[in-house]
């Protein structure tokens, strides 16, 4: 679960939709997650079914990276640059969150199923991870929505409010990503003790 946990956290990191580094970090995270599935599959084959969703998110993220680079080098400008950033950035973030939600629910279901091997010895660790992820996902979506609003609304008080919400939600998102990373570290450690390779 080592690669998987690193990839999961890297996929959660989000900057502004037009910053190429956002997409580079997410693509690295998805690479780690795909490697993590191979790491986990000998113990839990069911994790293999998430490869397709991760690959789809990686394609959208790669599209976002291309658009962000085109924006950075001035190839696309103005409304087109904003539109491309919104489309690819939103798709990337939403697909990653859907995939993460499915993975967390799957881990939670495995933990509750008495017929299967447990993910961890301590079921509260998976519960804590789920709680931390829910908060991080909420503030990620709030940050995304406010980023989109800031791009679409003309100058004025509402645009300023959207920018303020974006900054605050991003700060809270990073706090919960750190919390989620800590919770995932505990799950990973217990998983590695429970399922030594």
N, C-alpha and C. Protein backbone atom coordinates (compact mmCIF):
# COMPACT_ATOMS: atom_id res chain seq x y z
N UNK A 1 0.83 -1.20 0.00
CA UNK A 1 0.00 0.00 0.00
C UNK A 1 0.87 1.26 0.00
N UNK A 2 2.16 1.08 -0.11
CA UNK A 2 3.07 2.23 -0.06
C UNK A 2 2.88 3.17 -1.25
N UNK A 3 2.95 2.63 -2.47
CA UNK A 3 2.77 3.46 -3.66
C UNK A 3 1.37 4.05 -3.69
N UNK A 4 0.40 3.22 -3.35
CA UNK A 4 -1.01 3.62 -3.41
C UNK A 4 -1.28 4.83 -2.51
N UNK A 5 -0.77 4.79 -1.30
CA UNK A 5 -1.04 5.90 -0.37
C UNK A 5 -0.37 7.20 -0.84
N UNK A 6 0.84 7.10 -1.36
CA UNK A 6 1.52 8.30 -1.87
C UNK A 6 0.75 8.86 -3.06
N UNK A 7 0.34 8.00 -3.97
CA UNK A 7 -0.41 8.44 -5.14
C UNK A 7 -1.74 9.08 -4.77
N UNK A 8 -2.42 8.50 -3.81
CA UNK A 8 -3.72 9.01 -3.37
C UNK A 8 -3.58 10.44 -2.87
N UNK A 9 -2.54 10.70 -2.07
CA UNK A 9 -2.33 12.05 -1.53
C UNK A 9 -1.91 13.02 -2.64
N UNK A 10 -1.01 12.60 -3.52
CA UNK A 10 -0.57 13.48 -4.61
C UNK A 10 -1.74 13.86 -5.52
N UNK A 11 -2.66 12.93 -5.76
CA UNK A 11 -3.83 13.23 -6.60
C UNK A 11 -4.74 14.26 -5.95
N UNK A 12 -4.68 14.39 -4.65
CA UNK A 12 -5.55 15.31 -3.93
C UNK A 12 -5.08 16.76 -3.99
N UNK A 13 -3.83 16.97 -4.34
CA UNK A 13 -3.27 18.32 -4.35
C UNK A 13 -3.82 19.10 -5.54
N UNK A 14 -4.30 20.31 -5.27
CA UNK A 14 -4.88 21.15 -6.32
C UNK A 14 -4.44 22.60 -6.12
N UNK A 15 -3.94 23.18 -7.20
CA UNK A 15 -3.67 24.61 -7.24
C UNK A 15 -4.72 25.23 -8.16
N UNK A 16 -4.45 26.39 -8.68
CA UNK A 16 -5.35 27.02 -9.64
C UNK A 16 -5.40 26.17 -10.91
N UNK A 17 -6.52 26.24 -11.62
CA UNK A 17 -6.73 25.38 -12.79
C UNK A 17 -5.76 25.64 -13.94
N UNK A 18 -5.13 26.80 -13.96
CA UNK A 18 -4.24 27.09 -15.09
C UNK A 18 -2.76 26.96 -14.74
N UNK A 19 -2.46 26.34 -13.63
CA UNK A 19 -1.06 26.14 -13.24
C UNK A 19 -0.62 24.73 -13.63
N UNK A 20 0.35 24.59 -14.55
CA UNK A 20 0.76 23.26 -15.01
C UNK A 20 1.21 22.32 -13.88
N UNK A 21 1.81 22.86 -12.83
CA UNK A 21 2.30 22.01 -11.74
C UNK A 21 1.17 21.18 -11.12
N UNK A 22 -0.04 21.73 -11.09
CA UNK A 22 -1.20 20.99 -10.57
C UNK A 22 -1.32 19.65 -11.28
N UNK A 23 -1.26 19.71 -12.60
CA UNK A 23 -1.48 18.52 -13.41
C UNK A 23 -0.29 17.56 -13.35
N UNK A 24 0.91 18.11 -13.27
CA UNK A 24 2.11 17.27 -13.17
C UNK A 24 2.05 16.45 -11.87
N UNK A 25 1.71 17.11 -10.76
CA UNK A 25 1.63 16.41 -9.47
C UNK A 25 0.56 15.33 -9.52
N UNK A 26 -0.59 15.66 -10.10
CA UNK A 26 -1.68 14.67 -10.20
C UNK A 26 -1.27 13.48 -11.07
N UNK A 27 -0.58 13.74 -12.19
CA UNK A 27 -0.15 12.64 -13.05
C UNK A 27 0.86 11.74 -12.35
N UNK A 28 1.75 12.34 -11.60
CA UNK A 28 2.70 11.54 -10.81
C UNK A 28 1.93 10.70 -9.80
N UNK A 29 0.94 11.33 -9.15
CA UNK A 29 0.11 10.61 -8.18
C UNK A 29 -0.62 9.44 -8.81
N UNK A 30 -1.15 9.64 -10.01
CA UNK A 30 -1.86 8.54 -10.67
C UNK A 30 -0.92 7.41 -11.07
N UNK A 31 0.30 7.78 -11.43
CA UNK A 31 1.30 6.74 -11.70
C UNK A 31 1.58 5.91 -10.46
N UNK A 32 1.71 6.60 -9.33
CA UNK A 32 1.91 5.88 -8.06
C UNK A 32 0.70 5.00 -7.74
N UNK A 33 -0.51 5.53 -7.99
CA UNK A 33 -1.70 4.74 -7.69
C UNK A 33 -1.77 3.49 -8.56
N UNK A 34 -1.46 3.64 -9.84
CA UNK A 34 -1.47 2.46 -10.72
C UNK A 34 -0.44 1.43 -10.26
N UNK A 35 0.72 1.90 -9.82
CA UNK A 35 1.71 0.98 -9.24
C UNK A 35 1.20 0.38 -7.93
N UNK A 36 0.47 1.17 -7.17
CA UNK A 36 -0.10 0.69 -5.91
C UNK A 36 -1.13 -0.40 -6.11
N UNK A 37 -1.91 -0.31 -7.21
CA UNK A 37 -2.88 -1.37 -7.47
C UNK A 37 -2.16 -2.70 -7.67
N UNK A 38 -1.05 -2.67 -8.40
CA UNK A 38 -0.27 -3.90 -8.59
C UNK A 38 0.27 -4.41 -7.26
N UNK A 39 0.59 -3.49 -6.38
CA UNK A 39 1.11 -3.85 -5.07
C UNK A 39 0.03 -4.51 -4.19
N UNK A 40 -1.20 -4.04 -4.31
CA UNK A 40 -2.29 -4.51 -3.46
C UNK A 40 -3.00 -5.72 -4.05
N UNK A 41 -3.04 -5.84 -5.38
CA UNK A 41 -3.80 -6.90 -6.04
C UNK A 41 -3.47 -8.32 -5.59
N UNK A 42 -2.23 -8.66 -5.26
CA UNK A 42 -2.01 -10.03 -4.78
C UNK A 42 -2.79 -10.35 -3.49
N UNK A 43 -3.12 -9.34 -2.73
CA UNK A 43 -3.86 -9.55 -1.48
C UNK A 43 -5.35 -9.33 -1.70
N UNK A 44 -5.70 -8.24 -2.40
CA UNK A 44 -7.09 -7.89 -2.70
C UNK A 44 -7.23 -7.65 -4.20
N UNK A 45 -7.65 -8.70 -4.95
CA UNK A 45 -7.77 -8.59 -6.40
C UNK A 45 -8.75 -7.50 -6.81
N UNK A 46 -9.73 -7.23 -5.97
CA UNK A 46 -10.80 -6.30 -6.32
C UNK A 46 -10.31 -4.87 -6.57
N UNK A 47 -9.11 -4.53 -6.12
CA UNK A 47 -8.59 -3.19 -6.35
C UNK A 47 -8.26 -2.95 -7.83
N UNK A 48 -8.08 -4.02 -8.59
CA UNK A 48 -7.76 -3.90 -10.01
C UNK A 48 -8.85 -3.21 -10.82
N UNK A 49 -10.08 -3.28 -10.33
CA UNK A 49 -11.19 -2.67 -11.09
C UNK A 49 -11.13 -1.15 -11.12
N UNK A 50 -10.28 -0.55 -10.28
CA UNK A 50 -10.17 0.91 -10.23
C UNK A 50 -9.13 1.46 -11.22
N UNK A 51 -8.44 0.58 -11.91
CA UNK A 51 -7.42 1.03 -12.86
C UNK A 51 -8.02 1.85 -14.00
N UNK A 52 -9.17 1.44 -14.48
CA UNK A 52 -9.79 2.14 -15.62
C UNK A 52 -10.16 3.57 -15.24
N UNK A 53 -10.74 3.76 -14.06
CA UNK A 53 -11.13 5.10 -13.63
C UNK A 53 -9.89 5.97 -13.41
N UNK A 54 -8.86 5.39 -12.83
CA UNK A 54 -7.62 6.14 -12.63
C UNK A 54 -7.00 6.53 -13.97
N UNK A 55 -7.05 5.62 -14.93
CA UNK A 55 -6.51 5.91 -16.27
C UNK A 55 -7.33 7.00 -16.96
N UNK A 56 -8.65 6.98 -16.81
CA UNK A 56 -9.50 8.03 -17.40
C UNK A 56 -9.18 9.39 -16.77
N UNK A 57 -9.01 9.40 -15.46
CA UNK A 57 -8.64 10.65 -14.78
C UNK A 57 -7.27 11.12 -15.26
N UNK A 58 -6.36 10.18 -15.49
CA UNK A 58 -5.02 10.54 -15.99
C UNK A 58 -5.10 11.18 -17.38
N UNK A 59 -5.97 10.66 -18.23
CA UNK A 59 -6.13 11.25 -19.57
C UNK A 59 -6.65 12.68 -19.49
N UNK A 60 -7.66 12.91 -18.63
CA UNK A 60 -8.19 14.27 -18.46
C UNK A 60 -7.11 15.18 -17.86
N UNK A 61 -6.34 14.65 -16.95
CA UNK A 61 -5.28 15.43 -16.32
C UNK A 61 -4.20 15.77 -17.35
N UNK A 62 -3.88 14.82 -18.21
CA UNK A 62 -2.90 15.10 -19.27
C UNK A 62 -3.43 16.18 -20.20
N UNK A 63 -4.72 16.13 -20.51
CA UNK A 63 -5.33 17.19 -21.32
C UNK A 63 -5.24 18.54 -20.61
N UNK A 64 -5.47 18.52 -19.30
CA UNK A 64 -5.35 19.74 -18.51
C UNK A 64 -3.93 20.28 -18.52
N UNK A 65 -2.95 19.38 -18.47
CA UNK A 65 -1.55 19.81 -18.51
C UNK A 65 -1.22 20.47 -19.85
N UNK A 66 -1.68 19.87 -20.94
CA UNK A 66 -1.44 20.45 -22.26
C UNK A 66 -2.07 21.85 -22.33
N UNK A 67 -3.33 21.96 -21.88
CA UNK A 67 -4.01 23.27 -21.91
C UNK A 67 -3.31 24.29 -21.02
N UNK A 68 -2.90 23.87 -19.84
CA UNK A 68 -2.21 24.80 -18.93
C UNK A 68 -0.88 25.26 -19.53
N UNK A 69 -0.17 24.35 -20.19
CA UNK A 69 1.10 24.73 -20.85
C UNK A 69 0.84 25.69 -22.01
N UNK A 70 -0.21 25.41 -22.79
CA UNK A 70 -0.55 26.32 -23.89
C UNK A 70 -0.91 27.70 -23.35
N UNK A 71 -1.62 27.74 -22.24
CA UNK A 71 -1.96 29.02 -21.60
C UNK A 71 -0.70 29.72 -21.11
N UNK A 72 0.19 28.97 -20.48
CA UNK A 72 1.41 29.56 -19.93
C UNK A 72 2.31 30.15 -21.00
N UNK A 73 2.35 29.51 -22.17
CA UNK A 73 3.20 29.99 -23.25
C UNK A 73 2.48 30.97 -24.18
N UNK A 74 1.23 31.32 -23.82
CA UNK A 74 0.49 32.32 -24.57
C UNK A 74 -0.10 31.85 -25.87
N UNK A 75 -0.13 30.54 -26.10
CA UNK A 75 -0.71 30.01 -27.33
C UNK A 75 -2.23 30.23 -27.32
N UNK A 76 -2.85 29.93 -26.18
CA UNK A 76 -4.29 30.21 -26.01
C UNK A 76 -4.41 31.37 -25.04
N UNK A 77 -5.38 32.25 -25.31
CA UNK A 77 -5.52 33.44 -24.47
C UNK A 77 -7.00 33.70 -24.19
N UNK A 78 -7.24 34.51 -23.17
CA UNK A 78 -8.57 35.03 -22.88
C UNK A 78 -9.60 33.96 -22.59
N UNK A 79 -10.75 34.09 -23.27
CA UNK A 79 -11.90 33.22 -23.01
C UNK A 79 -11.59 31.76 -23.33
N UNK A 80 -10.86 31.52 -24.40
CA UNK A 80 -10.52 30.14 -24.78
C UNK A 80 -9.65 29.50 -23.70
N UNK A 81 -8.67 30.21 -23.21
CA UNK A 81 -7.79 29.69 -22.16
C UNK A 81 -8.60 29.37 -20.91
N UNK A 82 -9.50 30.27 -20.53
CA UNK A 82 -10.34 30.03 -19.36
C UNK A 82 -11.24 28.81 -19.56
N UNK A 83 -11.85 28.71 -20.73
CA UNK A 83 -12.75 27.60 -21.01
C UNK A 83 -12.01 26.27 -20.96
N UNK A 84 -10.85 26.20 -21.60
CA UNK A 84 -10.07 24.95 -21.58
C UNK A 84 -9.63 24.59 -20.17
N UNK A 85 -9.21 25.59 -19.39
CA UNK A 85 -8.80 25.35 -18.01
C UNK A 85 -9.97 24.81 -17.19
N UNK A 86 -11.14 25.42 -17.39
CA UNK A 86 -12.32 24.99 -16.63
C UNK A 86 -12.71 23.56 -17.01
N UNK A 87 -12.75 23.27 -18.30
CA UNK A 87 -13.20 21.94 -18.75
C UNK A 87 -12.25 20.84 -18.25
N UNK A 88 -10.97 20.95 -18.59
CA UNK A 88 -10.04 19.89 -18.24
C UNK A 88 -9.75 19.85 -16.73
N UNK A 89 -9.63 21.01 -16.12
CA UNK A 89 -9.39 21.04 -14.68
C UNK A 89 -10.53 20.45 -13.89
N UNK A 90 -11.76 20.81 -14.27
CA UNK A 90 -12.94 20.28 -13.58
C UNK A 90 -13.07 18.78 -13.77
N UNK A 91 -12.93 18.33 -15.02
CA UNK A 91 -13.01 16.89 -15.28
C UNK A 91 -11.98 16.12 -14.47
N UNK A 92 -10.77 16.63 -14.45
CA UNK A 92 -9.70 15.97 -13.71
C UNK A 92 -10.03 15.87 -12.22
N UNK A 93 -10.41 16.99 -11.62
CA UNK A 93 -10.70 17.01 -10.18
C UNK A 93 -11.90 16.11 -9.86
N UNK A 94 -12.96 16.22 -10.66
CA UNK A 94 -14.17 15.44 -10.37
C UNK A 94 -13.90 13.94 -10.54
N UNK A 95 -13.21 13.55 -11.61
CA UNK A 95 -12.92 12.12 -11.80
C UNK A 95 -12.03 11.58 -10.68
N UNK A 96 -11.08 12.37 -10.24
CA UNK A 96 -10.21 11.93 -9.14
C UNK A 96 -11.03 11.76 -7.87
N UNK A 97 -11.91 12.70 -7.59
CA UNK A 97 -12.72 12.61 -6.36
C UNK A 97 -13.67 11.41 -6.43
N UNK A 98 -14.28 11.18 -7.60
CA UNK A 98 -15.16 10.01 -7.75
C UNK A 98 -14.35 8.73 -7.53
N UNK A 99 -13.17 8.66 -8.12
CA UNK A 99 -12.31 7.49 -7.96
C UNK A 99 -11.89 7.31 -6.49
N UNK A 100 -11.48 8.40 -5.85
CA UNK A 100 -11.08 8.31 -4.45
C UNK A 100 -12.24 7.87 -3.57
N UNK A 101 -13.42 8.42 -3.84
CA UNK A 101 -14.59 8.04 -3.05
C UNK A 101 -14.86 6.54 -3.20
N UNK A 102 -14.80 6.05 -4.44
CA UNK A 102 -15.03 4.61 -4.69
C UNK A 102 -13.99 3.76 -3.96
N UNK A 103 -12.74 4.20 -4.00
CA UNK A 103 -11.67 3.46 -3.32
C UNK A 103 -11.86 3.44 -1.81
N UNK A 104 -12.19 4.60 -1.24
CA UNK A 104 -12.39 4.68 0.21
C UNK A 104 -13.58 3.80 0.62
N UNK A 105 -14.68 3.88 -0.15
CA UNK A 105 -15.85 3.05 0.16
C UNK A 105 -15.51 1.57 0.04
N UNK A 106 -14.71 1.24 -0.97
CA UNK A 106 -14.30 -0.16 -1.14
C UNK A 106 -13.46 -0.64 0.05
N UNK A 107 -12.53 0.18 0.48
CA UNK A 107 -11.72 -0.17 1.65
C UNK A 107 -12.60 -0.33 2.89
N UNK A 108 -13.54 0.58 3.02
CA UNK A 108 -14.46 0.55 4.16
C UNK A 108 -15.33 -0.72 4.13
N UNK A 109 -15.80 -1.09 2.92
CA UNK A 109 -16.61 -2.31 2.78
C UNK A 109 -15.80 -3.56 3.09
N UNK A 110 -14.55 -3.60 2.61
CA UNK A 110 -13.69 -4.75 2.92
C UNK A 110 -13.50 -4.86 4.43
N UNK A 111 -13.28 -3.73 5.07
CA UNK A 111 -13.04 -3.72 6.51
C UNK A 111 -14.27 -4.24 7.28
N UNK A 112 -15.47 -3.92 6.78
CA UNK A 112 -16.70 -4.33 7.48
C UNK A 112 -17.10 -5.76 7.17
N UNK A 113 -16.63 -6.31 6.03
CA UNK A 113 -17.01 -7.66 5.61
C UNK A 113 -16.23 -8.68 6.44
N UNK A 114 -16.96 -9.47 7.21
CA UNK A 114 -16.31 -10.44 8.10
C UNK A 114 -15.76 -11.64 7.34
N UNK A 115 -16.19 -11.85 6.10
CA UNK A 115 -15.75 -13.00 5.32
C UNK A 115 -14.40 -12.76 4.64
N UNK A 116 -14.00 -11.52 4.51
CA UNK A 116 -12.74 -11.18 3.83
C UNK A 116 -11.65 -10.86 4.83
N UNK A 117 -10.41 -10.87 4.32
CA UNK A 117 -9.31 -10.37 5.13
C UNK A 117 -9.53 -8.88 5.35
N UNK A 118 -9.11 -8.38 6.47
CA UNK A 118 -9.25 -6.96 6.76
C UNK A 118 -8.12 -6.17 6.11
N UNK A 119 -8.43 -4.91 5.80
CA UNK A 119 -7.40 -3.99 5.30
C UNK A 119 -6.39 -3.74 6.42
N UNK A 120 -6.91 -3.48 7.62
CA UNK A 120 -6.06 -3.22 8.79
C UNK A 120 -6.57 -4.01 9.98
N UNK A 121 -5.74 -4.14 11.00
CA UNK A 121 -6.18 -4.77 12.24
C UNK A 121 -7.13 -3.87 13.01
N UNK A 122 -6.95 -2.58 12.89
CA UNK A 122 -7.74 -1.59 13.63
C UNK A 122 -8.74 -0.93 12.67
N UNK A 123 -10.03 -1.30 12.75
CA UNK A 123 -11.03 -0.74 11.83
C UNK A 123 -11.20 0.78 11.96
N UNK A 124 -10.85 1.34 13.09
CA UNK A 124 -11.01 2.79 13.27
C UNK A 124 -10.08 3.58 12.35
N UNK A 125 -9.00 2.95 11.89
CA UNK A 125 -8.06 3.65 11.00
C UNK A 125 -8.68 3.95 9.64
N UNK A 126 -9.43 2.99 9.10
CA UNK A 126 -10.10 3.20 7.81
C UNK A 126 -11.21 4.23 7.98
N UNK A 127 -11.91 4.17 9.10
CA UNK A 127 -12.96 5.16 9.39
C UNK A 127 -12.38 6.56 9.48
N UNK A 128 -11.25 6.70 10.16
CA UNK A 128 -10.59 8.01 10.29
C UNK A 128 -10.13 8.52 8.93
N UNK A 129 -9.62 7.62 8.08
CA UNK A 129 -9.22 8.00 6.73
C UNK A 129 -10.42 8.50 5.93
N UNK A 130 -11.53 7.79 6.04
CA UNK A 130 -12.75 8.19 5.32
C UNK A 130 -13.21 9.57 5.78
N UNK A 131 -13.20 9.82 7.08
CA UNK A 131 -13.63 11.12 7.60
C UNK A 131 -12.72 12.25 7.11
N UNK A 132 -11.41 12.02 7.16
CA UNK A 132 -10.46 13.04 6.71
C UNK A 132 -10.61 13.29 5.21
N UNK A 133 -10.80 12.22 4.44
CA UNK A 133 -10.97 12.37 3.00
C UNK A 133 -12.23 13.17 2.68
N UNK A 134 -13.33 12.90 3.38
CA UNK A 134 -14.58 13.63 3.12
C UNK A 134 -14.40 15.13 3.29
N UNK A 135 -13.68 15.53 4.30
CA UNK A 135 -13.44 16.96 4.54
C UNK A 135 -12.53 17.53 3.45
N UNK A 136 -11.49 16.81 3.10
CA UNK A 136 -10.59 17.28 2.04
C UNK A 136 -11.34 17.38 0.71
N UNK A 137 -12.18 16.41 0.41
CA UNK A 137 -12.93 16.42 -0.84
C UNK A 137 -13.92 17.59 -0.87
N UNK A 138 -14.57 17.86 0.25
CA UNK A 138 -15.51 18.98 0.30
C UNK A 138 -14.81 20.29 -0.02
N UNK A 139 -13.68 20.54 0.62
CA UNK A 139 -12.98 21.80 0.39
C UNK A 139 -12.31 21.85 -0.98
N UNK A 140 -11.97 20.68 -1.54
CA UNK A 140 -11.45 20.64 -2.91
C UNK A 140 -12.54 21.07 -3.89
N UNK A 141 -13.74 20.53 -3.71
CA UNK A 141 -14.85 20.90 -4.59
C UNK A 141 -15.25 22.36 -4.41
N UNK A 142 -15.22 22.85 -3.18
CA UNK A 142 -15.53 24.26 -2.93
C UNK A 142 -14.48 25.15 -3.60
N UNK A 143 -13.23 24.75 -3.51
CA UNK A 143 -12.15 25.50 -4.16
C UNK A 143 -12.33 25.48 -5.67
N UNK A 144 -12.69 24.34 -6.22
CA UNK A 144 -12.92 24.23 -7.67
C UNK A 144 -14.07 25.13 -8.10
N UNK A 145 -15.19 25.07 -7.37
CA UNK A 145 -16.36 25.88 -7.71
C UNK A 145 -16.04 27.38 -7.65
N UNK A 146 -15.30 27.79 -6.62
CA UNK A 146 -14.96 29.21 -6.50
C UNK A 146 -13.94 29.63 -7.55
N UNK A 147 -13.04 28.72 -7.95
CA UNK A 147 -12.09 29.01 -9.02
C UNK A 147 -12.85 29.23 -10.33
N UNK A 148 -13.83 28.38 -10.61
CA UNK A 148 -14.63 28.52 -11.83
C UNK A 148 -15.42 29.83 -11.78
N UNK A 149 -16.05 30.11 -10.63
CA UNK A 149 -16.83 31.35 -10.49
C UNK A 149 -15.93 32.57 -10.71
N UNK A 150 -14.74 32.53 -10.14
CA UNK A 150 -13.81 33.66 -10.29
C UNK A 150 -13.45 33.89 -11.77
N UNK A 151 -13.33 32.81 -12.53
CA UNK A 151 -12.98 32.92 -13.94
C UNK A 151 -14.14 33.43 -14.79
N UNK A 152 -15.37 33.09 -14.39
CA UNK A 152 -16.52 33.41 -15.22
C UNK A 152 -17.21 34.73 -14.89
N UNK A 153 -17.09 35.16 -13.64
CA UNK A 153 -17.80 36.37 -13.21
C UNK A 153 -16.94 37.59 -13.52
N UNK A 154 -17.56 38.63 -14.12
CA UNK A 154 -16.79 39.85 -14.40
C UNK A 154 -16.37 40.55 -13.10
N UNK A 155 -15.43 41.48 -13.23
CA UNK A 155 -14.93 42.22 -12.06
C UNK A 155 -16.08 42.79 -11.25
N UNK A 156 -15.89 42.74 -9.92
CA UNK A 156 -16.90 43.28 -9.02
C UNK A 156 -16.85 42.58 -7.68
N UNK A 157 -17.81 42.89 -6.84
CA UNK A 157 -17.83 42.36 -5.48
C UNK A 157 -18.02 40.84 -5.45
N UNK A 158 -18.84 40.32 -6.35
CA UNK A 158 -19.09 38.86 -6.35
C UNK A 158 -17.82 38.12 -6.76
N UNK A 159 -17.10 38.65 -7.73
CA UNK A 159 -15.85 38.02 -8.15
C UNK A 159 -14.83 38.07 -7.01
N UNK A 160 -14.77 39.19 -6.31
CA UNK A 160 -13.86 39.30 -5.16
C UNK A 160 -14.22 38.28 -4.09
N UNK A 161 -15.53 38.12 -3.85
CA UNK A 161 -15.98 37.13 -2.87
C UNK A 161 -15.60 35.72 -3.31
N UNK A 162 -15.75 35.43 -4.60
CA UNK A 162 -15.37 34.10 -5.11
C UNK A 162 -13.88 33.86 -4.93
N UNK A 163 -13.06 34.88 -5.18
CA UNK A 163 -11.62 34.74 -4.97
C UNK A 163 -11.27 34.52 -3.51
N UNK A 164 -11.98 35.22 -2.62
CA UNK A 164 -11.75 35.04 -1.19
C UNK A 164 -12.11 33.63 -0.75
N UNK A 165 -13.28 33.14 -1.23
CA UNK A 165 -13.71 31.78 -0.90
C UNK A 165 -12.68 30.77 -1.43
N UNK A 166 -12.15 31.04 -2.62
CA UNK A 166 -11.16 30.12 -3.19
C UNK A 166 -9.91 30.03 -2.31
N UNK A 167 -9.42 31.16 -1.88
CA UNK A 167 -8.20 31.16 -1.05
C UNK A 167 -8.45 30.44 0.27
N UNK A 168 -9.55 30.76 0.93
CA UNK A 168 -9.86 30.14 2.22
C UNK A 168 -10.09 28.64 2.05
N UNK A 169 -10.86 28.26 1.02
CA UNK A 169 -11.13 26.83 0.82
C UNK A 169 -9.87 26.06 0.47
N UNK A 170 -8.94 26.70 -0.27
CA UNK A 170 -7.69 26.00 -0.59
C UNK A 170 -6.84 25.80 0.67
N UNK A 171 -6.81 26.80 1.54
CA UNK A 171 -6.07 26.64 2.79
C UNK A 171 -6.65 25.50 3.62
N UNK A 172 -7.98 25.47 3.75
CA UNK A 172 -8.62 24.40 4.50
C UNK A 172 -8.42 23.05 3.81
N UNK A 173 -8.47 23.04 2.49
CA UNK A 173 -8.23 21.81 1.74
C UNK A 173 -6.85 21.24 2.07
N UNK A 174 -5.82 22.10 2.09
CA UNK A 174 -4.47 21.61 2.40
C UNK A 174 -4.35 21.12 3.83
N UNK A 175 -5.04 21.77 4.75
CA UNK A 175 -5.04 21.29 6.14
C UNK A 175 -5.62 19.88 6.19
N UNK A 176 -6.74 19.66 5.49
CA UNK A 176 -7.35 18.33 5.51
C UNK A 176 -6.59 17.32 4.67
N UNK A 177 -5.87 17.77 3.66
CA UNK A 177 -5.01 16.83 2.92
C UNK A 177 -3.88 16.34 3.83
N UNK A 178 -3.34 17.24 4.64
CA UNK A 178 -2.32 16.83 5.62
C UNK A 178 -2.92 15.84 6.61
N UNK A 179 -4.12 16.15 7.09
CA UNK A 179 -4.82 15.25 8.01
C UNK A 179 -5.07 13.89 7.34
N UNK A 180 -5.48 13.92 6.08
CA UNK A 180 -5.72 12.69 5.34
C UNK A 180 -4.42 11.92 5.14
N UNK A 181 -3.34 12.64 4.87
CA UNK A 181 -2.05 11.98 4.72
C UNK A 181 -1.61 11.27 5.98
N UNK A 182 -1.86 11.92 7.11
CA UNK A 182 -1.54 11.30 8.40
C UNK A 182 -2.39 10.05 8.61
N UNK A 183 -3.70 10.17 8.32
CA UNK A 183 -4.60 9.02 8.49
C UNK A 183 -4.21 7.90 7.53
N UNK A 184 -3.84 8.25 6.29
CA UNK A 184 -3.44 7.23 5.33
C UNK A 184 -2.13 6.57 5.75
N UNK A 185 -1.23 7.34 6.33
CA UNK A 185 0.02 6.77 6.83
C UNK A 185 -0.24 5.70 7.89
N UNK A 186 -1.21 5.96 8.76
CA UNK A 186 -1.57 4.96 9.79
C UNK A 186 -2.17 3.71 9.15
N UNK A 187 -3.05 3.92 8.17
CA UNK A 187 -3.64 2.77 7.46
C UNK A 187 -2.55 1.98 6.76
N UNK A 188 -1.65 2.68 6.09
CA UNK A 188 -0.56 2.02 5.36
C UNK A 188 0.33 1.20 6.30
N UNK A 189 0.69 1.79 7.43
CA UNK A 189 1.54 1.08 8.39
C UNK A 189 0.85 -0.18 8.91
N UNK A 190 -0.43 -0.06 9.27
CA UNK A 190 -1.17 -1.21 9.79
C UNK A 190 -1.36 -2.25 8.68
N UNK A 191 -1.64 -1.79 7.46
CA UNK A 191 -1.80 -2.71 6.32
C UNK A 191 -0.51 -3.50 6.11
N UNK A 192 0.62 -2.81 6.13
CA UNK A 192 1.90 -3.49 5.90
C UNK A 192 2.23 -4.48 7.01
N UNK A 193 1.80 -4.21 8.23
CA UNK A 193 2.00 -5.16 9.33
C UNK A 193 1.05 -6.34 9.17
N UNK A 194 -0.20 -6.04 8.81
CA UNK A 194 -1.22 -7.09 8.65
C UNK A 194 -0.95 -7.99 7.45
N UNK A 195 -0.42 -7.40 6.38
CA UNK A 195 -0.19 -8.13 5.13
C UNK A 195 1.26 -7.98 4.69
N UNK A 196 2.20 -8.58 5.40
CA UNK A 196 3.61 -8.45 5.00
C UNK A 196 3.85 -9.13 3.64
N UNK A 197 4.66 -8.49 2.82
CA UNK A 197 4.93 -9.05 1.49
C UNK A 197 6.07 -10.03 1.54
